[in-house]
């Protein structure tokens, strides 16, 4: 039975999610159209940039991503507590970078705020609470991301209509091992597809970005109160701003790694260990090398109690082996009971992957 989005993405289950969105014009998202000869590779940068820009506005941190020819993957961590801590003005400034907002909101963010009465200020607080909730909402993050990319692509091709293949698909990541499996699966997409020989050559992936020196401004500071939110008063307040106004958005850095566990909004292992594991796995999943079992066992697999051979085998089939959730068997069973369903697809894969076999 189809589950509602509210049960598939629930902060009470986990803040971590693996998200996939596919293009309805499958080969023409970012690759080369073999019929017309047109090349759309530049769109991969559109998506990569917009993911990081939205991470600077939403309280949703990006741990990993990969932009492929006809789809993209993102691993994110939702942070509603950070959204709840934002003040009214901060929330409204963030939201009006994307949407013009109602007239009362524009008035609040201008010098005209002094003339507002108590009833108007209370209404603005209600708007702020609505937007505060949306800033930690994965569906709103994906809506803005996909709508903005579709709008650019349609304009470039001079067409109208659907660009994305339905709504995005999501997988709840129920524990640290599931986060590791999803991140490595995402970062290795170009290697697994034969598009890259090495991690360094895996264009438009989070791991390639982490391995390059940072040269961009990732300040993520709040925009000034005087912005385009004071213009276009006749625009629909729920309509996404034109692309020319979205191009000035700041970019957020990727989530940091922290093996100590002292910093909660971080990936819960060391970057060096993750790089070692992903590099080792990449040598096994490349089409020309597939099937090789490494003699050296990456330390992270031991640390998280994962079966090395099962990890390699499932690294190419994570989406098919699991359904709406990935995790150890115990977590999968508990989530199934919480969702009031008989079982979750992937329990057999979980038993082999996340429970180390006896020697």
Protein backbone atom coordinates (compact mmCIF):
# COMPACT_ATOMS: atom_id res chain seq x y z
CA UNK A 1 0.00 0.00 0.00
CA UNK A 2 1.27 3.46 -0.89
CA UNK A 3 2.46 5.42 2.15
CA UNK A 4 1.76 9.15 2.52
CA UNK A 5 4.77 11.46 2.27
CA UNK A 6 4.30 12.52 5.91
CA UNK A 7 5.01 8.96 7.08
CA UNK A 8 7.92 8.41 4.68
CA UNK A 9 9.70 11.59 5.79
CA UNK A 10 9.29 11.97 9.54
CA UNK A 11 11.78 13.62 11.87
CA UNK A 12 10.55 11.30 14.61
CA UNK A 13 11.97 8.33 12.67
CA UNK A 14 15.28 9.89 11.62
CA UNK A 15 16.67 13.24 10.43
CA UNK A 16 18.69 11.50 7.67
CA UNK A 17 17.34 10.84 4.16
CA UNK A 18 18.59 9.68 0.77
CA UNK A 19 16.65 11.43 -2.00
CA UNK A 20 16.48 10.72 -5.74
CA UNK A 21 14.78 12.70 -8.50
CA UNK A 22 14.62 11.61 -12.13
CA UNK A 23 13.97 13.54 -15.32
CA UNK A 24 10.97 12.59 -17.43
CA UNK A 25 13.02 13.30 -20.56
CA UNK A 26 15.43 10.69 -19.33
CA UNK A 27 18.52 11.20 -21.50
CA UNK A 28 18.22 14.94 -21.81
CA UNK A 29 18.67 16.22 -18.27
CA UNK A 30 22.40 16.81 -18.28
CA UNK A 31 23.85 14.52 -20.90
CA UNK A 32 24.11 14.64 -24.68
CA UNK A 33 21.03 14.18 -26.86
CA UNK A 34 22.11 11.53 -29.36
CA UNK A 35 19.37 12.55 -31.79
CA UNK A 36 19.90 16.31 -31.95
CA UNK A 37 23.52 16.34 -30.84
CA UNK A 38 22.80 19.01 -28.23
CA UNK A 39 24.88 18.87 -25.08
CA UNK A 40 23.29 19.69 -21.74
CA UNK A 41 26.23 18.96 -19.45
CA UNK A 42 26.09 22.51 -18.09
CA UNK A 43 22.83 21.65 -16.32
CA UNK A 44 24.70 19.38 -13.92
CA UNK A 45 26.36 22.50 -12.54
CA UNK A 46 22.94 24.18 -12.28
CA UNK A 47 21.73 21.40 -10.00
CA UNK A 48 24.92 21.17 -7.94
CA UNK A 49 24.92 24.91 -7.35
CA UNK A 50 21.23 25.11 -6.50
CA UNK A 51 21.52 22.25 -3.96
CA UNK A 52 24.19 24.20 -2.06
CA UNK A 53 22.31 27.48 -2.38
CA UNK A 54 19.15 26.02 -0.89
CA UNK A 55 21.16 24.44 1.92
CA UNK A 56 22.16 27.98 2.92
CA UNK A 57 18.50 28.99 3.22
CA UNK A 58 16.80 25.86 4.53
CA UNK A 59 17.89 24.24 7.78
CA UNK A 60 18.71 21.10 5.81
CA UNK A 61 22.35 20.04 5.66
CA UNK A 62 23.80 18.27 2.63
CA UNK A 63 26.08 15.33 3.34
CA UNK A 64 26.47 13.93 -0.18
CA UNK A 65 25.20 14.42 -3.71
CA UNK A 66 25.81 13.22 -7.25
CA UNK A 67 24.36 14.74 -10.42
CA UNK A 68 24.05 12.19 -13.22
CA UNK A 69 22.82 12.39 -16.83
CA UNK A 70 19.14 11.80 -16.11
CA UNK A 71 18.81 11.94 -12.31
CA UNK A 72 20.47 13.18 -9.17
CA UNK A 73 20.98 11.91 -5.61
CA UNK A 74 21.23 13.85 -2.35
CA UNK A 75 21.85 12.67 1.22
CA UNK A 76 20.55 15.24 3.69
CA UNK A 77 20.01 15.78 7.40
CA UNK A 78 16.92 17.73 8.49
CA UNK A 79 17.37 20.16 11.40
CA UNK A 80 13.99 21.43 12.68
CA UNK A 81 15.58 22.52 15.98
CA UNK A 82 17.76 25.00 14.12
CA UNK A 83 14.71 26.28 12.27
CA UNK A 84 12.82 26.67 15.56
CA UNK A 85 15.66 28.78 16.96
CA UNK A 86 15.52 31.32 14.12
CA UNK A 87 13.96 34.67 14.95
CA UNK A 88 11.07 36.15 13.00
CA UNK A 89 13.17 38.51 10.91
CA UNK A 90 15.73 35.82 10.08
CA UNK A 91 13.00 33.42 8.94
CA UNK A 92 11.33 36.04 6.77
CA UNK A 93 14.61 37.12 5.20
CA UNK A 94 15.46 33.55 4.31
CA UNK A 95 12.03 32.79 2.87
CA UNK A 96 11.79 35.98 0.83
CA UNK A 97 15.02 35.10 -0.94
CA UNK A 98 12.93 32.41 -2.65
CA UNK A 99 9.37 33.80 -2.62
CA UNK A 100 8.19 37.41 -2.61
CA UNK A 101 5.85 36.79 0.33
CA UNK A 102 2.67 38.67 1.28
CA UNK A 103 2.55 42.45 1.44
CA UNK A 104 2.61 42.39 5.26
CA UNK A 105 5.88 40.45 5.20
CA UNK A 106 7.43 42.89 2.75
CA UNK A 107 6.28 45.76 4.93
CA UNK A 108 7.78 44.11 8.03
CA UNK A 109 11.16 43.80 6.30
CA UNK A 110 11.18 47.47 5.32
CA UNK A 111 11.35 50.76 7.22
CA UNK A 112 7.54 50.75 7.08
CA UNK A 113 7.51 48.25 9.95
CA UNK A 114 7.20 51.11 12.46
CA UNK A 115 3.72 51.95 11.11
CA UNK A 116 2.36 48.42 11.55
CA UNK A 117 -0.34 47.79 14.16
CA UNK A 118 -0.42 44.90 16.66
CA UNK A 119 -2.87 42.88 14.55
CA UNK A 120 -0.59 43.14 11.52
CA UNK A 121 2.45 42.13 13.58
CA UNK A 122 0.59 39.09 14.93
CA UNK A 123 -0.26 38.07 11.37
CA UNK A 124 3.39 38.41 10.39
CA UNK A 125 4.32 36.10 13.28
CA UNK A 126 1.88 33.55 11.92
CA UNK A 127 3.49 33.77 8.50
CA UNK A 128 6.91 33.38 10.11
CA UNK A 129 5.86 30.21 11.93
CA UNK A 130 4.56 28.72 8.68
CA UNK A 131 7.83 29.53 6.90
CA UNK A 132 9.88 28.32 9.89
CA UNK A 133 8.28 24.89 9.53
CA UNK A 134 8.91 24.88 5.79
CA UNK A 135 12.61 25.68 6.22
CA UNK A 136 13.10 22.22 7.75
CA UNK A 137 10.73 20.46 5.35
CA UNK A 138 12.32 18.13 2.79
CA UNK A 139 9.33 18.40 0.44
CA UNK A 140 9.67 22.19 0.24
CA UNK A 141 13.44 21.89 -0.30
CA UNK A 142 12.86 19.50 -3.20
CA UNK A 143 9.98 21.54 -4.59
CA UNK A 144 12.13 24.66 -4.90
CA UNK A 145 15.11 22.72 -6.25
CA UNK A 146 13.17 20.87 -8.93
CA UNK A 147 10.93 23.75 -9.91
CA UNK A 148 13.83 26.15 -10.41
CA UNK A 149 15.81 23.64 -12.49
CA UNK A 150 12.77 22.68 -14.59
CA UNK A 151 12.03 26.32 -15.26
CA UNK A 152 15.56 26.95 -16.53
CA UNK A 153 15.62 23.83 -18.69
CA UNK A 154 12.21 24.54 -20.22
CA UNK A 155 13.22 28.10 -21.00
CA UNK A 156 16.46 26.92 -22.57
CA UNK A 157 14.62 24.46 -24.83
CA UNK A 158 11.65 26.72 -25.48
CA UNK A 159 9.13 24.13 -24.29
CA UNK A 160 6.52 23.74 -21.56
CA UNK A 161 5.31 20.83 -19.49
CA UNK A 162 6.62 18.33 -16.97
CA UNK A 163 10.37 18.05 -16.60
CA UNK A 164 10.69 15.72 -13.58
CA UNK A 165 9.37 12.17 -13.41
CA UNK A 166 6.76 12.59 -10.66
CA UNK A 167 7.70 13.37 -7.08
CA UNK A 168 11.09 12.62 -5.62
CA UNK A 169 11.79 9.25 -3.98
CA UNK A 170 13.20 9.14 -0.48
CA UNK A 171 14.77 6.54 1.79
CA UNK A 172 14.96 7.04 5.55
CA UNK A 173 18.46 6.32 6.87
CA UNK A 174 17.88 4.78 10.28
CA UNK A 175 21.41 4.49 11.68
CA UNK A 176 25.05 5.45 11.09
CA UNK A 177 25.69 2.39 8.92
CA UNK A 178 22.77 3.32 6.68
CA UNK A 179 24.13 6.87 6.34
CA UNK A 180 27.51 5.44 5.34
CA UNK A 181 25.98 3.05 2.80
CA UNK A 182 23.87 5.80 1.22
CA UNK A 183 26.72 8.32 1.04
CA UNK A 184 29.14 5.88 -0.57
CA UNK A 185 26.42 4.74 -2.99
CA UNK A 186 25.79 8.36 -4.00
CA UNK A 187 29.43 9.45 -4.29
CA UNK A 188 30.32 6.41 -6.39
CA UNK A 189 27.60 6.89 -9.00
CA UNK A 190 29.94 8.19 -11.75
CA UNK A 191 32.49 5.42 -11.08
CA UNK A 192 29.82 2.74 -11.02
CA UNK A 193 28.37 4.06 -14.30
CA UNK A 194 31.78 4.06 -15.96
CA UNK A 195 31.73 7.86 -16.33
CA UNK A 196 34.86 8.27 -14.17
CA UNK A 197 37.92 6.15 -13.40
CA UNK A 198 38.71 7.72 -10.01
CA UNK A 199 37.02 9.68 -7.25
CA UNK A 200 38.89 12.80 -8.32
CA UNK A 201 37.41 12.51 -11.81
CA UNK A 202 33.84 12.05 -10.53
CA UNK A 203 32.45 15.40 -11.64
CA UNK A 204 29.54 17.02 -9.82
CA UNK A 205 29.76 14.83 -6.73
CA UNK A 206 30.15 15.87 -3.13
CA UNK A 207 33.29 13.78 -2.68
CA UNK A 208 35.04 15.50 -5.58
CA UNK A 209 34.06 18.84 -4.02
CA UNK A 210 35.47 17.80 -0.65
CA UNK A 211 38.77 16.79 -2.25
CA UNK A 212 39.20 20.17 -3.96
CA UNK A 213 40.44 23.30 -2.18
CA UNK A 214 37.66 25.71 -1.26
CA UNK A 215 37.86 28.97 -3.17
CA UNK A 216 34.23 30.13 -3.06
CA UNK A 217 32.40 32.32 -0.58
CA UNK A 218 30.25 30.05 1.58
CA UNK A 219 29.36 32.66 4.20
CA UNK A 220 25.66 31.90 4.14
CA UNK A 221 24.99 35.22 5.87
CA UNK A 222 21.47 36.56 6.09
CA UNK A 223 20.56 38.80 3.15
CA UNK A 224 20.08 42.50 3.86
CA UNK A 225 16.58 43.58 4.81
CA UNK A 226 16.40 45.80 1.72
CA UNK A 227 16.23 43.22 -1.04
CA UNK A 228 14.03 42.29 -3.91
CA UNK A 229 11.39 41.27 -1.36
CA UNK A 230 10.26 44.90 -1.46
CA UNK A 231 9.70 44.81 -5.21
CA UNK A 232 7.10 43.17 -7.40
CA UNK A 233 4.25 43.80 -4.96
CA UNK A 234 1.73 42.38 -7.44
CA UNK A 235 3.47 39.00 -7.67
CA UNK A 236 1.83 35.90 -6.23
CA UNK A 237 3.42 35.54 -2.76
CA UNK A 238 3.64 31.74 -3.22
CA UNK A 239 5.32 31.97 -6.64
CA UNK A 240 9.01 31.17 -6.82
CA UNK A 241 11.12 34.19 -7.71
CA UNK A 242 12.50 34.52 -11.26
CA UNK A 243 15.85 32.89 -11.88
CA UNK A 244 17.58 36.27 -12.28
CA UNK A 245 16.75 36.95 -8.61
CA UNK A 246 17.81 33.50 -7.41
CA UNK A 247 21.29 33.70 -8.90
CA UNK A 248 22.58 35.84 -6.03
CA UNK A 249 21.91 33.19 -3.38
CA UNK A 250 24.83 32.26 -1.07
CA UNK A 251 26.09 28.68 -1.00
CA UNK A 252 26.37 26.54 2.10
CA UNK A 253 29.34 24.26 2.78
CA UNK A 254 28.83 20.52 2.86
CA UNK A 255 28.24 18.88 6.24
CA UNK A 256 31.47 18.35 8.18
CA UNK A 257 32.71 14.96 9.38
CA UNK A 258 33.12 14.39 13.12
CA UNK A 259 34.12 10.96 14.43
CA UNK A 260 34.07 12.17 18.05
CA UNK A 261 30.32 12.62 18.17
CA UNK A 262 30.71 15.94 20.01
CA UNK A 263 29.17 17.95 17.17
CA UNK A 264 25.66 16.66 16.47
CA UNK A 265 24.96 18.22 13.04
CA UNK A 266 27.88 16.33 11.48
CA UNK A 267 28.55 13.10 9.63
CA UNK A 268 29.38 10.63 12.43
CA UNK A 269 32.73 9.32 11.21
CA UNK A 270 36.15 10.59 10.12
CA UNK A 271 36.58 11.87 6.58
CA UNK A 272 39.84 9.92 6.17
CA UNK A 273 38.04 6.67 7.01
CA UNK A 274 35.18 7.50 4.63
CA UNK A 275 37.63 8.34 1.84
CA UNK A 276 39.48 5.06 2.41
CA UNK A 277 36.27 3.05 2.27
CA UNK A 278 34.87 4.84 -0.79
CA UNK A 279 38.16 4.56 -2.66
CA UNK A 280 38.35 0.83 -1.87
CA UNK A 281 34.74 0.30 -2.89
CA UNK A 282 35.28 2.28 -6.11
CA UNK A 283 37.90 -0.24 -7.21
CA UNK A 284 35.29 -2.99 -6.81
CA UNK A 285 32.25 -1.42 -8.48
CA UNK A 286 33.85 0.04 -11.61
CA UNK A 287 32.47 -1.85 -14.66
CA UNK A 288 35.96 -2.93 -15.72
CA UNK A 289 36.91 -4.17 -12.24
CA UNK A 290 33.61 -5.35 -10.75
CA UNK A 291 33.79 -8.38 -8.51
CA UNK A 292 37.19 -7.82 -6.94
CA UNK A 293 37.16 -8.30 -3.17
CA UNK A 294 39.79 -6.12 -1.46
CA UNK A 295 42.40 -7.84 0.68
CA UNK A 296 42.39 -4.85 3.02
CA UNK A 297 39.18 -4.32 4.99
CA UNK A 298 38.37 -0.60 5.50
CA UNK A 299 38.26 0.33 9.17
CA UNK A 300 34.77 1.87 8.98
CA UNK A 301 33.21 -1.50 8.16
CA UNK A 302 34.61 -2.96 11.37
CA UNK A 303 33.65 0.12 13.34
CA UNK A 304 30.02 -0.10 12.20
CA UNK A 305 29.78 -3.89 12.21
CA UNK A 306 29.12 -4.30 8.49
CA UNK A 307 29.75 -7.31 6.28
CA UNK A 308 32.39 -6.36 3.69
CA UNK A 309 31.30 -8.69 0.89
CA UNK A 310 27.62 -7.81 1.34
CA UNK A 311 28.53 -4.12 1.38
CA UNK A 312 30.28 -4.46 -1.97
CA UNK A 313 27.42 -6.46 -3.48
CA UNK A 314 24.72 -4.06 -2.27
CA UNK A 315 26.68 -0.97 -3.26
CA UNK A 316 25.29 -1.27 -6.79
CA UNK A 317 21.70 -2.06 -5.78
CA UNK A 318 20.92 0.13 -2.78
CA UNK A 319 17.79 1.61 -4.35
CA UNK A 320 16.43 -1.75 -5.50
CA UNK A 321 17.43 -3.79 -2.46
CA UNK A 322 15.72 -1.40 -0.04
CA UNK A 323 12.44 0.46 -0.19
CA UNK A 324 11.56 3.56 1.80
CA UNK A 325 14.06 2.90 4.59
CA UNK A 326 17.60 1.59 5.07
CA UNK A 327 18.92 0.32 8.38
CA UNK A 328 19.73 -2.61 10.63
CA UNK A 329 17.04 -5.34 10.87
CA UNK A 330 15.90 -4.21 14.33
CA UNK A 331 15.33 -0.61 13.18
CA UNK A 332 13.54 -1.82 10.04
CA UNK A 333 11.15 -4.00 12.05
CA UNK A 334 10.44 -1.20 14.53
CA UNK A 335 9.74 1.29 11.74
CA UNK A 336 7.40 -1.16 10.01
CA UNK A 337 5.41 -1.52 13.24
CA UNK A 338 5.33 2.25 13.69
CA UNK A 339 4.04 2.74 10.14
CA UNK A 340 1.52 -0.06 10.73
CA UNK A 341 2.67 -2.15 7.79
CA UNK A 342 3.60 -5.83 7.75
CA UNK A 343 7.17 -5.35 6.61
CA UNK A 344 9.57 -2.97 4.84
CA UNK A 345 11.28 -4.00 1.63
CA UNK A 346 14.94 -4.70 2.25
CA UNK A 347 14.85 -6.68 5.48
CA UNK A 348 16.77 -9.60 3.92
CA UNK A 349 19.39 -7.22 2.54
CA UNK A 350 19.64 -5.59 5.96
CA UNK A 351 20.32 -8.95 7.62
CA UNK A 352 23.28 -9.61 5.34
CA UNK A 353 24.60 -6.05 5.14
CA UNK A 354 24.28 -4.64 8.64
CA UNK A 355 24.88 -7.76 10.72
CA UNK A 356 28.45 -8.97 10.55
CA UNK A 357 28.69 -12.67 9.78
CA UNK A 358 30.52 -14.85 12.24
CA UNK A 359 34.05 -15.75 11.27
